[in-house]
């Protein structure tokens, strides 16, 4: 059996079952179910206000869902019910990392320090949670060496070696985006959640982002779940796309399937439900015209 087929037939890495999130009388997420598989890039898309970031906040522990289950199953078979864990354990134990729509770096720290501080958990364990780190014990020195090596690796991977000693806040916007992803990867996640990583990037920077995300998937096997409005990024790198509209899933499939789904087109155009059939007819006409042009 091929590796890709094994991935498809194996249990999903992330399984979201009947997720509902209410804020008083507002239903932000309505009975949402979807899967994200190991080694895949899964995109969560939809118009503004569709509930995408709320889903991320439930997965990463910032919100506790009103209803539903969020199960993360590691390749070794260990399983975590994320809705029952505090947010710090979702990162530390379940190995889920995230970035934010608004960049949240330690602006006054250097680029290198941002990558080292992300690795404080193994360093604290090596210190015995006491003063052993101050004494420079062998275990702590080894852990410190590995932390620096990992930081140097991600500096190289993200093209930030020359800026290692610069304050993170002095980096150009696109470089700050890459640093935030590098910092998340320093925690060795099995699932990396990216909230609009291409926001504010120019075309060259978006292309660099695509290359970085592909390499993370290829070289580390890290599954990626991303929220993104830049459809050039979504359609170029995603294996699987889930579409939300007003907190409800309206499509779930490959990028090509989602691209041609009339419900998705209608949602992005702001079309009323009763007009979806009209949009579907227009899509079919365009598809026939494109096919005729190709044959010609």
C-alpha atoms as a PDB file:
ATOM      1  CA  UNK A   1       0.000   0.000   0.000  1.00  0.00           C
ATOM      2  CA  UNK A   2       1.372   3.447  -0.885  1.00  0.00           C
ATOM      3  CA  UNK A   3       2.158   6.002   1.819  1.00  0.00           C
ATOM      4  CA  UNK A   4      -0.533   8.367   0.545  1.00  0.00           C
ATOM      5  CA  UNK A   5      -3.136   5.587   0.540  1.00  0.00           C
ATOM      6  CA  UNK A   6      -2.120   4.575   4.055  1.00  0.00           C
ATOM      7  CA  UNK A   7      -2.628   8.193   5.144  1.00  0.00           C
ATOM      8  CA  UNK A   8      -6.104   8.238   3.614  1.00  0.00           C
ATOM      9  CA  UNK A   9      -7.192   4.957   5.190  1.00  0.00           C
ATOM     10  CA  UNK A  10      -5.720   5.695   8.637  1.00  0.00           C
ATOM     11  CA  UNK A  11      -7.681   7.421  11.369  1.00  0.00           C
ATOM     12  CA  UNK A  12      -7.777  11.201  10.970  1.00  0.00           C
ATOM     13  CA  UNK A  13      -5.283  13.233  12.965  1.00  0.00           C
ATOM     14  CA  UNK A  14      -7.978  15.753  13.933  1.00  0.00           C
ATOM     15  CA  UNK A  15     -11.654  14.875  14.132  1.00  0.00           C
ATOM     16  CA  UNK A  16     -14.217  17.563  14.889  1.00  0.00           C
ATOM     17  CA  UNK A  17     -17.645  16.117  15.731  1.00  0.00           C
ATOM     18  CA  UNK A  18     -20.826  18.188  15.994  1.00  0.00           C
ATOM     19  CA  UNK A  19     -19.021  21.278  17.247  1.00  0.00           C
ATOM     20  CA  UNK A  20     -21.351  24.035  18.404  1.00  0.00           C
ATOM     21  CA  UNK A  21     -20.357  27.336  19.977  1.00  0.00           C
ATOM     22  CA  UNK A  22     -22.947  29.745  21.349  1.00  0.00           C
ATOM     23  CA  UNK A  23     -22.416  33.195  22.794  1.00  0.00           C
ATOM     24  CA  UNK A  24     -25.706  33.860  24.534  1.00  0.00           C
ATOM     25  CA  UNK A  25     -28.320  33.759  21.788  1.00  0.00           C
ATOM     26  CA  UNK A  26     -25.723  33.927  18.986  1.00  0.00           C
ATOM     27  CA  UNK A  27     -24.785  30.619  17.376  1.00  0.00           C
ATOM     28  CA  UNK A  28     -21.256  31.209  16.080  1.00  0.00           C
ATOM     29  CA  UNK A  29     -20.631  27.559  15.091  1.00  0.00           C
ATOM     30  CA  UNK A  30     -23.536  25.294  14.221  1.00  0.00           C
ATOM     31  CA  UNK A  31     -23.082  21.487  14.445  1.00  0.00           C
ATOM     32  CA  UNK A  32     -19.773  21.446  12.557  1.00  0.00           C
ATOM     33  CA  UNK A  33     -18.019  18.166  11.706  1.00  0.00           C
ATOM     34  CA  UNK A  34     -14.866  17.700   9.631  1.00  0.00           C
ATOM     35  CA  UNK A  35     -11.556  15.841   9.588  1.00  0.00           C
ATOM     36  CA  UNK A  36      -7.914  16.803   9.024  1.00  0.00           C
ATOM     37  CA  UNK A  37      -5.481  14.030   8.167  1.00  0.00           C
ATOM     38  CA  UNK A  38      -1.820  13.608   8.987  1.00  0.00           C
ATOM     39  CA  UNK A  39       0.420  15.029   6.275  1.00  0.00           C
ATOM     40  CA  UNK A  40      -2.390  17.117   4.748  1.00  0.00           C
ATOM     41  CA  UNK A  41      -2.863  20.853   4.458  1.00  0.00           C
ATOM     42  CA  UNK A  42      -6.498  21.544   5.309  1.00  0.00           C
ATOM     43  CA  UNK A  43      -7.934  24.997   4.641  1.00  0.00           C
ATOM     44  CA  UNK A  44     -10.875  26.434   6.555  1.00  0.00           C
ATOM     45  CA  UNK A  45     -12.389  29.193   4.444  1.00  0.00           C
ATOM     46  CA  UNK A  46     -15.524  31.310   4.227  1.00  0.00           C
ATOM     47  CA  UNK A  47     -16.731  34.913   4.085  1.00  0.00           C
ATOM     48  CA  UNK A  48     -15.939  37.335   6.908  1.00  0.00           C
ATOM     49  CA  UNK A  49     -17.877  36.439  10.032  1.00  0.00           C
ATOM     50  CA  UNK A  50     -18.301  32.787   9.007  1.00  0.00           C
ATOM     51  CA  UNK A  51     -16.885  31.541  12.329  1.00  0.00           C
ATOM     52  CA  UNK A  52     -13.458  30.347  11.201  1.00  0.00           C
ATOM     53  CA  UNK A  53     -11.425  31.896  14.032  1.00  0.00           C
ATOM     54  CA  UNK A  54     -14.000  30.661  16.543  1.00  0.00           C
ATOM     55  CA  UNK A  55     -13.293  27.110  15.332  1.00  0.00           C
ATOM     56  CA  UNK A  56      -9.564  27.721  15.835  1.00  0.00           C
ATOM     57  CA  UNK A  57     -10.202  29.085  19.314  1.00  0.00           C
ATOM     58  CA  UNK A  58     -12.141  25.932  20.216  1.00  0.00           C
ATOM     59  CA  UNK A  59      -9.433  23.632  18.832  1.00  0.00           C
ATOM     60  CA  UNK A  60      -6.629  25.447  20.657  1.00  0.00           C
ATOM     61  CA  UNK A  61      -8.448  25.857  23.978  1.00  0.00           C
ATOM     62  CA  UNK A  62      -9.145  29.589  23.988  1.00  0.00           C
ATOM     63  CA  UNK A  63     -12.873  28.733  23.992  1.00  0.00           C
ATOM     64  CA  UNK A  64     -14.618  25.731  25.479  1.00  0.00           C
ATOM     65  CA  UNK A  65     -17.296  24.649  22.991  1.00  0.00           C
ATOM     66  CA  UNK A  66     -20.935  24.555  24.003  1.00  0.00           C
ATOM     67  CA  UNK A  67     -21.318  21.108  22.442  1.00  0.00           C
ATOM     68  CA  UNK A  68     -19.277  18.605  20.483  1.00  0.00           C
ATOM     69  CA  UNK A  69     -15.980  16.724  20.574  1.00  0.00           C
ATOM     70  CA  UNK A  70     -12.540  17.598  19.183  1.00  0.00           C
ATOM     71  CA  UNK A  71     -10.260  14.557  19.059  1.00  0.00           C
ATOM     72  CA  UNK A  72      -6.574  14.653  18.185  1.00  0.00           C
ATOM     73  CA  UNK A  73      -4.931  11.270  17.527  1.00  0.00           C
ATOM     74  CA  UNK A  74      -1.137  11.148  17.285  1.00  0.00           C
ATOM     75  CA  UNK A  75       0.640   8.774  14.880  1.00  0.00           C
ATOM     76  CA  UNK A  76       1.603   6.608  17.889  1.00  0.00           C
ATOM     77  CA  UNK A  77      -2.089   6.097  18.698  1.00  0.00           C
ATOM     78  CA  UNK A  78      -2.264   8.380  21.739  1.00  0.00           C
ATOM     79  CA  UNK A  79      -5.466  10.398  21.727  1.00  0.00           C
ATOM     80  CA  UNK A  80      -6.520  13.713  23.284  1.00  0.00           C
ATOM     81  CA  UNK A  81      -9.962  15.226  23.733  1.00  0.00           C
ATOM     82  CA  UNK A  82      -9.026  18.853  23.154  1.00  0.00           C
ATOM     83  CA  UNK A  83     -12.279  20.311  24.476  1.00  0.00           C
ATOM     84  CA  UNK A  84     -11.366  18.893  27.906  1.00  0.00           C
ATOM     85  CA  UNK A  85      -7.805  20.227  28.085  1.00  0.00           C
ATOM     86  CA  UNK A  86      -6.621  23.668  29.241  1.00  0.00           C
ATOM     87  CA  UNK A  87      -4.996  25.662  26.458  1.00  0.00           C
ATOM     88  CA  UNK A  88      -1.396  25.235  27.702  1.00  0.00           C
ATOM     89  CA  UNK A  89      -1.765  21.439  27.726  1.00  0.00           C
ATOM     90  CA  UNK A  90      -3.157  21.477  24.179  1.00  0.00           C
ATOM     91  CA  UNK A  91       0.152  22.986  23.102  1.00  0.00           C
ATOM     92  CA  UNK A  92       2.476  21.100  25.447  1.00  0.00           C
ATOM     93  CA  UNK A  93       0.891  17.637  25.639  1.00  0.00           C
ATOM     94  CA  UNK A  94      -1.316  17.375  22.553  1.00  0.00           C
ATOM     95  CA  UNK A  95       1.289  19.170  20.398  1.00  0.00           C
ATOM     96  CA  UNK A  96      -1.004  21.707  18.724  1.00  0.00           C
ATOM     97  CA  UNK A  97       0.567  25.065  17.847  1.00  0.00           C
ATOM     98  CA  UNK A  98      -1.002  28.148  16.328  1.00  0.00           C
ATOM     99  CA  UNK A  99      -0.322  31.575  14.939  1.00  0.00           C
ATOM    100  CA  UNK A 100      -2.682  34.524  15.013  1.00  0.00           C
ATOM    101  CA  UNK A 101      -4.284  36.839  12.481  1.00  0.00           C
ATOM    102  CA  UNK A 102      -2.584  39.730  14.275  1.00  0.00           C
ATOM    103  CA  UNK A 103       1.099  38.887  14.735  1.00  0.00           C
ATOM    104  CA  UNK A 104       1.981  38.173  18.373  1.00  0.00           C
ATOM    105  CA  UNK A 105       5.755  38.105  18.613  1.00  0.00           C
ATOM    106  CA  UNK A 106       7.848  39.261  21.550  1.00  0.00           C
ATOM    107  CA  UNK A 107       8.700  42.487  19.750  1.00  0.00           C
ATOM    108  CA  UNK A 108      11.506  43.590  22.089  1.00  0.00           C
ATOM    109  CA  UNK A 109      13.274  40.225  22.032  1.00  0.00           C
ATOM    110  CA  UNK A 110      15.662  39.241  19.281  1.00  0.00           C
ATOM    111  CA  UNK A 111      14.621  36.861  16.526  1.00  0.00           C
ATOM    112  CA  UNK A 112      16.739  34.120  18.111  1.00  0.00           C
ATOM    113  CA  UNK A 113      15.294  34.744  21.573  1.00  0.00           C
ATOM    114  CA  UNK A 114      11.766  34.372  20.178  1.00  0.00           C
ATOM    115  CA  UNK A 115      12.680  30.884  18.968  1.00  0.00           C
ATOM    116  CA  UNK A 116      14.385  29.929  22.222  1.00  0.00           C
ATOM    117  CA  UNK A 117      11.555  31.093  24.470  1.00  0.00           C
ATOM    118  CA  UNK A 118       9.194  28.818  22.525  1.00  0.00           C
ATOM    119  CA  UNK A 119      11.272  25.909  23.867  1.00  0.00           C
ATOM    120  CA  UNK A 120      11.018  26.790  27.550  1.00  0.00           C
ATOM    121  CA  UNK A 121       9.143  23.570  28.445  1.00  0.00           C
ATOM    122  CA  UNK A 122      11.982  21.118  27.651  1.00  0.00           C
ATOM    123  CA  UNK A 123      14.475  23.515  29.238  1.00  0.00           C
ATOM    124  CA  UNK A 124      12.427  23.704  32.434  1.00  0.00           C
ATOM    125  CA  UNK A 125      12.126  19.915  32.546  1.00  0.00           C
ATOM    126  CA  UNK A 126      15.918  19.603  32.076  1.00  0.00           C
ATOM    127  CA  UNK A 127      16.425  21.998  34.984  1.00  0.00           C
ATOM    128  CA  UNK A 128      14.275  19.778  37.226  1.00  0.00           C
ATOM    129  CA  UNK A 129      11.953  22.761  37.668  1.00  0.00           C
ATOM    130  CA  UNK A 130      14.581  24.092  40.104  1.00  0.00           C
ATOM    131  CA  UNK A 131      17.952  25.892  40.064  1.00  0.00           C
ATOM    132  CA  UNK A 132      19.800  23.080  38.217  1.00  0.00           C
ATOM    133  CA  UNK A 133      19.884  25.196  35.078  1.00  0.00           C
ATOM    134  CA  UNK A 134      21.866  27.858  36.948  1.00  0.00           C
ATOM    135  CA  UNK A 135      24.376  25.215  37.966  1.00  0.00           C
ATOM    136  CA  UNK A 136      24.783  24.125  34.372  1.00  0.00           C
ATOM    137  CA  UNK A 137      24.199  20.417  34.880  1.00  0.00           C
ATOM    138  CA  UNK A 138      24.979  18.042  32.031  1.00  0.00           C
ATOM    139  CA  UNK A 139      21.311  17.372  31.259  1.00  0.00           C
ATOM    140  CA  UNK A 140      20.530  21.069  31.135  1.00  0.00           C
ATOM    141  CA  UNK A 141      23.552  21.846  28.932  1.00  0.00           C
ATOM    142  CA  UNK A 142      22.485  19.148  26.469  1.00  0.00           C
ATOM    143  CA  UNK A 143      18.907  20.437  26.380  1.00  0.00           C
ATOM    144  CA  UNK A 144      20.175  24.005  25.884  1.00  0.00           C
ATOM    145  CA  UNK A 145      22.412  22.886  23.017  1.00  0.00           C
ATOM    146  CA  UNK A 146      19.488  21.145  21.291  1.00  0.00           C
ATOM    147  CA  UNK A 147      17.319  24.249  21.706  1.00  0.00           C
ATOM    148  CA  UNK A 148      19.924  26.435  20.027  1.00  0.00           C
ATOM    149  CA  UNK A 149      20.369  23.917  17.199  1.00  0.00           C
ATOM    150  CA  UNK A 150      16.621  23.808  16.604  1.00  0.00           C
ATOM    151  CA  UNK A 151      16.419  27.612  16.598  1.00  0.00           C
ATOM    152  CA  UNK A 152      19.300  27.811  14.110  1.00  0.00           C
ATOM    153  CA  UNK A 153      17.560  25.259  11.879  1.00  0.00           C
ATOM    154  CA  UNK A 154      14.389  27.351  11.719  1.00  0.00           C
ATOM    155  CA  UNK A 155      16.350  30.545  11.179  1.00  0.00           C
ATOM    156  CA  UNK A 156      17.860  28.882   8.126  1.00  0.00           C
ATOM    157  CA  UNK A 157      14.536  27.426   6.986  1.00  0.00           C
ATOM    158  CA  UNK A 158      12.796  30.799   7.103  1.00  0.00           C
ATOM    159  CA  UNK A 159      15.669  32.875   5.704  1.00  0.00           C
ATOM    160  CA  UNK A 160      16.227  34.795   8.939  1.00  0.00           C
ATOM    161  CA  UNK A 161      19.819  33.852   9.784  1.00  0.00           C
ATOM    162  CA  UNK A 162      21.123  37.345   9.027  1.00  0.00           C
ATOM    163  CA  UNK A 163      18.475  38.884  11.309  1.00  0.00           C
ATOM    164  CA  UNK A 164      18.976  36.530  14.288  1.00  0.00           C
ATOM    165  CA  UNK A 165      20.243  39.297  16.605  1.00  0.00           C
ATOM    166  CA  UNK A 166      17.763  41.941  15.461  1.00  0.00           C
ATOM    167  CA  UNK A 167      14.682  42.779  17.505  1.00  0.00           C
ATOM    168  CA  UNK A 168      11.660  40.919  16.174  1.00  0.00           C
ATOM    169  CA  UNK A 169       9.752  44.202  15.987  1.00  0.00           C
ATOM    170  CA  UNK A 170      12.332  45.584  13.532  1.00  0.00           C
ATOM    171  CA  UNK A 171      11.674  42.894  10.932  1.00  0.00           C
ATOM    172  CA  UNK A 172       9.640  43.622   7.795  1.00  0.00           C
ATOM    173  CA  UNK A 173       6.059  42.419   7.972  1.00  0.00           C
ATOM    174  CA  UNK A 174       6.587  39.307   5.813  1.00  0.00           C
ATOM    175  CA  UNK A 175       9.624  38.269   7.851  1.00  0.00           C
ATOM    176  CA  UNK A 176       7.601  38.623  11.063  1.00  0.00           C
ATOM    177  CA  UNK A 177       5.031  36.228   9.590  1.00  0.00           C
ATOM    178  CA  UNK A 178       7.750  33.674   8.864  1.00  0.00           C
ATOM    179  CA  UNK A 179       9.224  34.116  12.345  1.00  0.00           C
ATOM    180  CA  UNK A 180       5.848  33.467  13.949  1.00  0.00           C
ATOM    181  CA  UNK A 181       5.546  30.194  11.998  1.00  0.00           C
ATOM    182  CA  UNK A 182       9.143  29.254  12.924  1.00  0.00           C
ATOM    183  CA  UNK A 183       8.418  29.932  16.599  1.00  0.00           C
ATOM    184  CA  UNK A 184       5.343  27.682  16.457  1.00  0.00           C
ATOM    185  CA  UNK A 185       7.369  24.918  14.791  1.00  0.00           C
ATOM    186  CA  UNK A 186       9.968  25.062  17.576  1.00  0.00           C
ATOM    187  CA  UNK A 187       7.361  23.355  19.786  1.00  0.00           C
ATOM    188  CA  UNK A 188       7.393  20.278  17.474  1.00  0.00           C
ATOM    189  CA  UNK A 189       3.646  20.285  16.760  1.00  0.00           C
ATOM    190  CA  UNK A 190       1.787  17.446  15.059  1.00  0.00           C
ATOM    191  CA  UNK A 191      -0.855  20.003  14.054  1.00  0.00           C
ATOM    192  CA  UNK A 192       0.015  23.575  13.078  1.00  0.00           C
ATOM    193  CA  UNK A 193      -2.939  25.999  13.034  1.00  0.00           C
ATOM    194  CA  UNK A 194      -2.332  29.153  10.991  1.00  0.00           C
ATOM    195  CA  UNK A 195      -4.799  32.051  11.152  1.00  0.00           C
ATOM    196  CA  UNK A 196      -4.534  33.990   7.868  1.00  0.00           C
ATOM    197  CA  UNK A 197      -0.771  33.563   7.388  1.00  0.00           C
ATOM    198  CA  UNK A 198      -0.854  35.313   3.982  1.00  0.00           C
ATOM    199  CA  UNK A 199      -2.699  38.401   5.268  1.00  0.00           C
ATOM    200  CA  UNK A 200      -0.844  41.544   4.228  1.00  0.00           C
ATOM    201  CA  UNK A 201       1.741  39.729   2.116  1.00  0.00           C
ATOM    202  CA  UNK A 202       2.690  40.797  -1.392  1.00  0.00           C
ATOM    203  CA  UNK A 203       2.695  38.182  -4.232  1.00  0.00           C
ATOM    204  CA  UNK A 204       6.397  37.352  -3.758  1.00  0.00           C
ATOM    205  CA  UNK A 205       5.946  36.862  -0.020  1.00  0.00           C
ATOM    206  CA  UNK A 206       2.831  34.705  -0.623  1.00  0.00           C
ATOM    207  CA  UNK A 207       4.891  32.490  -2.929  1.00  0.00           C
ATOM    208  CA  UNK A 208       7.601  32.188  -0.257  1.00  0.00           C
ATOM    209  CA  UNK A 209       4.910  31.267   2.265  1.00  0.00           C
ATOM    210  CA  UNK A 210       3.583  28.520  -0.026  1.00  0.00           C
ATOM    211  CA  UNK A 211       7.101  27.098  -0.336  1.00  0.00           C
ATOM    212  CA  UNK A 212       7.627  27.187   3.435  1.00  0.00           C
ATOM    213  CA  UNK A 213       4.333  25.449   4.214  1.00  0.00           C
ATOM    214  CA  UNK A 214       4.948  22.748   1.634  1.00  0.00           C
ATOM    215  CA  UNK A 215       8.394  22.101   3.097  1.00  0.00           C
ATOM    216  CA  UNK A 216       6.967  21.875   6.631  1.00  0.00           C
ATOM    217  CA  UNK A 217       4.548  19.217   5.431  1.00  0.00           C
ATOM    218  CA  UNK A 218       7.148  17.352   3.362  1.00  0.00           C
ATOM    219  CA  UNK A 219      10.148  17.507   5.689  1.00  0.00           C
ATOM    220  CA  UNK A 220       8.399  17.199   9.057  1.00  0.00           C
ATOM    221  CA  UNK A 221       5.099  15.465   8.298  1.00  0.00           C
ATOM    222  CA  UNK A 222       3.297  18.202  10.211  1.00  0.00           C
ATOM    223  CA  UNK A 223      -0.391  18.528   9.408  1.00  0.00           C
ATOM    224  CA  UNK A 224      -1.454  22.116   8.743  1.00  0.00           C
ATOM    225  CA  UNK A 225      -4.892  23.624   9.351  1.00  0.00           C
ATOM    226  CA  UNK A 226      -5.149  27.128   7.997  1.00  0.00           C
ATOM    227  CA  UNK A 227      -7.654  29.943   7.778  1.00  0.00           C
ATOM    228  CA  UNK A 228      -7.020  31.983   4.682  1.00  0.00           C
ATOM    229  CA  UNK A 229      -8.726  34.578   2.471  1.00  0.00           C
ATOM    230  CA  UNK A 230      -6.023  34.489  -0.204  1.00  0.00           C
ATOM    231  CA  UNK A 231      -7.497  31.939  -2.605  1.00  0.00           C
ATOM    232  CA  UNK A 232      -4.224  31.725  -4.536  1.00  0.00           C
ATOM    233  CA  UNK A 233      -2.672  30.254  -1.398  1.00  0.00           C
ATOM    234  CA  UNK A 234      -5.638  28.003  -0.594  1.00  0.00           C
ATOM    235  CA  UNK A 235      -6.028  26.528  -4.063  1.00  0.00           C
ATOM    236  CA  UNK A 236      -2.295  26.172  -4.645  1.00  0.00           C
ATOM    237  CA  UNK A 237      -1.257  24.231  -1.543  1.00  0.00           C
ATOM    238  CA  UNK A 238      -4.354  22.724   0.115  1.00  0.00           C
ATOM    239  CA  UNK A 239      -5.235  19.031  -0.043  1.00  0.00           C
ATOM    240  CA  UNK A 240      -8.616  19.522   1.589  1.00  0.00           C
ATOM    241  CA  UNK A 241     -10.916  22.535   1.954  1.00  0.00           C
ATOM    242  CA  UNK A 242     -13.782  23.067   4.410  1.00  0.00           C
ATOM    243  CA  UNK A 243     -16.114  26.022   3.764  1.00  0.00           C
ATOM    244  CA  UNK A 244     -18.151  27.775   6.450  1.00  0.00           C
ATOM    245  CA  UNK A 245     -20.956  30.286   6.061  1.00  0.00           C
ATOM    246  CA  UNK A 246     -22.603  31.793   9.158  1.00  0.00           C
ATOM    247  CA  UNK A 247     -21.068  29.030  11.281  1.00  0.00           C
ATOM    248  CA  UNK A 248     -22.457  26.185   9.154  1.00  0.00           C
ATOM    249  CA  UNK A 249     -20.450  23.917   6.862  1.00  0.00           C
ATOM    250  CA  UNK A 250     -21.598  24.319   3.255  1.00  0.00           C
ATOM    251  CA  UNK A 251     -18.823  22.419   1.445  1.00  0.00           C
ATOM    252  CA  UNK A 252     -16.076  19.909   2.215  1.00  0.00           C
ATOM    253  CA  UNK A 253     -13.765  18.430  -0.410  1.00  0.00           C
ATOM    254  CA  UNK A 254     -10.787  18.965  -2.676  1.00  0.00           C
ATOM    255  CA  UNK A 255      -9.879  22.493  -3.830  1.00  0.00           C
ATOM    256  CA  UNK A 256     -11.303  21.731  -7.282  1.00  0.00           C
ATOM    257  CA  UNK A 257     -14.594  20.461  -5.865  1.00  0.00           C
ATOM    258  CA  UNK A 258     -14.964  23.473  -3.606  1.00  0.00           C
ATOM    259  CA  UNK A 259     -13.976  25.955  -6.335  1.00  0.00           C
ATOM    260  CA  UNK A 260     -16.896  24.800  -8.500  1.00  0.00           C
ATOM    261  CA  UNK A 261     -19.493  24.416  -5.748  1.00  0.00           C
ATOM    262  CA  UNK A 262     -22.395  26.853  -6.403  1.00  0.00           C
ATOM    263  CA  UNK A 263     -23.095  27.158  -2.667  1.00  0.00           C
ATOM    264  CA  UNK A 264     -19.544  28.374  -2.090  1.00  0.00           C
ATOM    265  CA  UNK A 265     -19.735  30.841  -4.968  1.00  0.00           C
ATOM    266  CA  UNK A 266     -23.079  32.109  -3.715  1.00  0.00           C
ATOM    267  CA  UNK A 267     -21.740  32.542  -0.166  1.00  0.00           C
ATOM    268  CA  UNK A 268     -18.755  34.573  -1.319  1.00  0.00           C
ATOM    269  CA  UNK A 269     -20.958  36.728  -3.554  1.00  0.00           C
ATOM    270  CA  UNK A 270     -23.444  37.288  -0.744  1.00  0.00           C
ATOM    271  CA  UNK A 271     -26.272  35.650  -2.693  1.00  0.00           C
ATOM    272  CA  UNK A 272     -29.500  34.728  -0.937  1.00  0.00           C
ATOM    273  CA  UNK A 273     -30.431  31.045  -0.576  1.00  0.00           C
ATOM    274  CA  UNK A 274     -33.184  31.250  -3.174  1.00  0.00           C
ATOM    275  CA  UNK A 275     -30.690  32.520  -5.762  1.00  0.00           C
ATOM    276  CA  UNK A 276     -28.256  29.600  -5.453  1.00  0.00           C
ATOM    277  CA  UNK A 277     -29.893  27.685  -8.330  1.00  0.00           C
ATOM    278  CA  UNK A 278     -29.437  30.706 -10.571  1.00  0.00           C
ATOM    279  CA  UNK A 279     -25.747  30.899  -9.651  1.00  0.00           C
ATOM    280  CA  UNK A 280     -25.395  27.155 -10.284  1.00  0.00           C
ATOM    281  CA  UNK A 281     -26.813  27.590 -13.795  1.00  0.00           C
ATOM    282  CA  UNK A 282     -24.384  30.443 -14.480  1.00  0.00           C
ATOM    283  CA  UNK A 283     -21.446  28.322 -13.254  1.00  0.00           C
ATOM    284  CA  UNK A 284     -22.466  25.497 -15.605  1.00  0.00           C
ATOM    285  CA  UNK A 285     -22.596  27.927 -18.537  1.00  0.00           C
ATOM    286  CA  UNK A 286     -19.112  29.238 -17.747  1.00  0.00           C
ATOM    287  CA  UNK A 287     -17.783  25.686 -17.375  1.00  0.00           C
ATOM    288  CA  UNK A 288     -19.208  24.744 -20.788  1.00  0.00           C
ATOM    289  CA  UNK A 289     -17.612  27.831 -22.353  1.00  0.00           C
ATOM    290  CA  UNK A 290     -14.204  27.001 -20.838  1.00  0.00           C
ATOM    291  CA  UNK A 291     -14.478  23.399 -22.059  1.00  0.00           C
ATOM    292  CA  UNK A 292     -15.384  24.572 -25.561  1.00  0.00           C
ATOM    293  CA  UNK A 293     -12.382  26.941 -25.624  1.00  0.00           C
ATOM    294  CA  UNK A 294     -10.042  24.101 -24.610  1.00  0.00           C
ATOM    295  CA  UNK A 295     -11.399  21.868 -27.393  1.00  0.00           C
ATOM    296  CA  UNK A 296     -10.969  24.686 -29.905  1.00  0.00           C
END
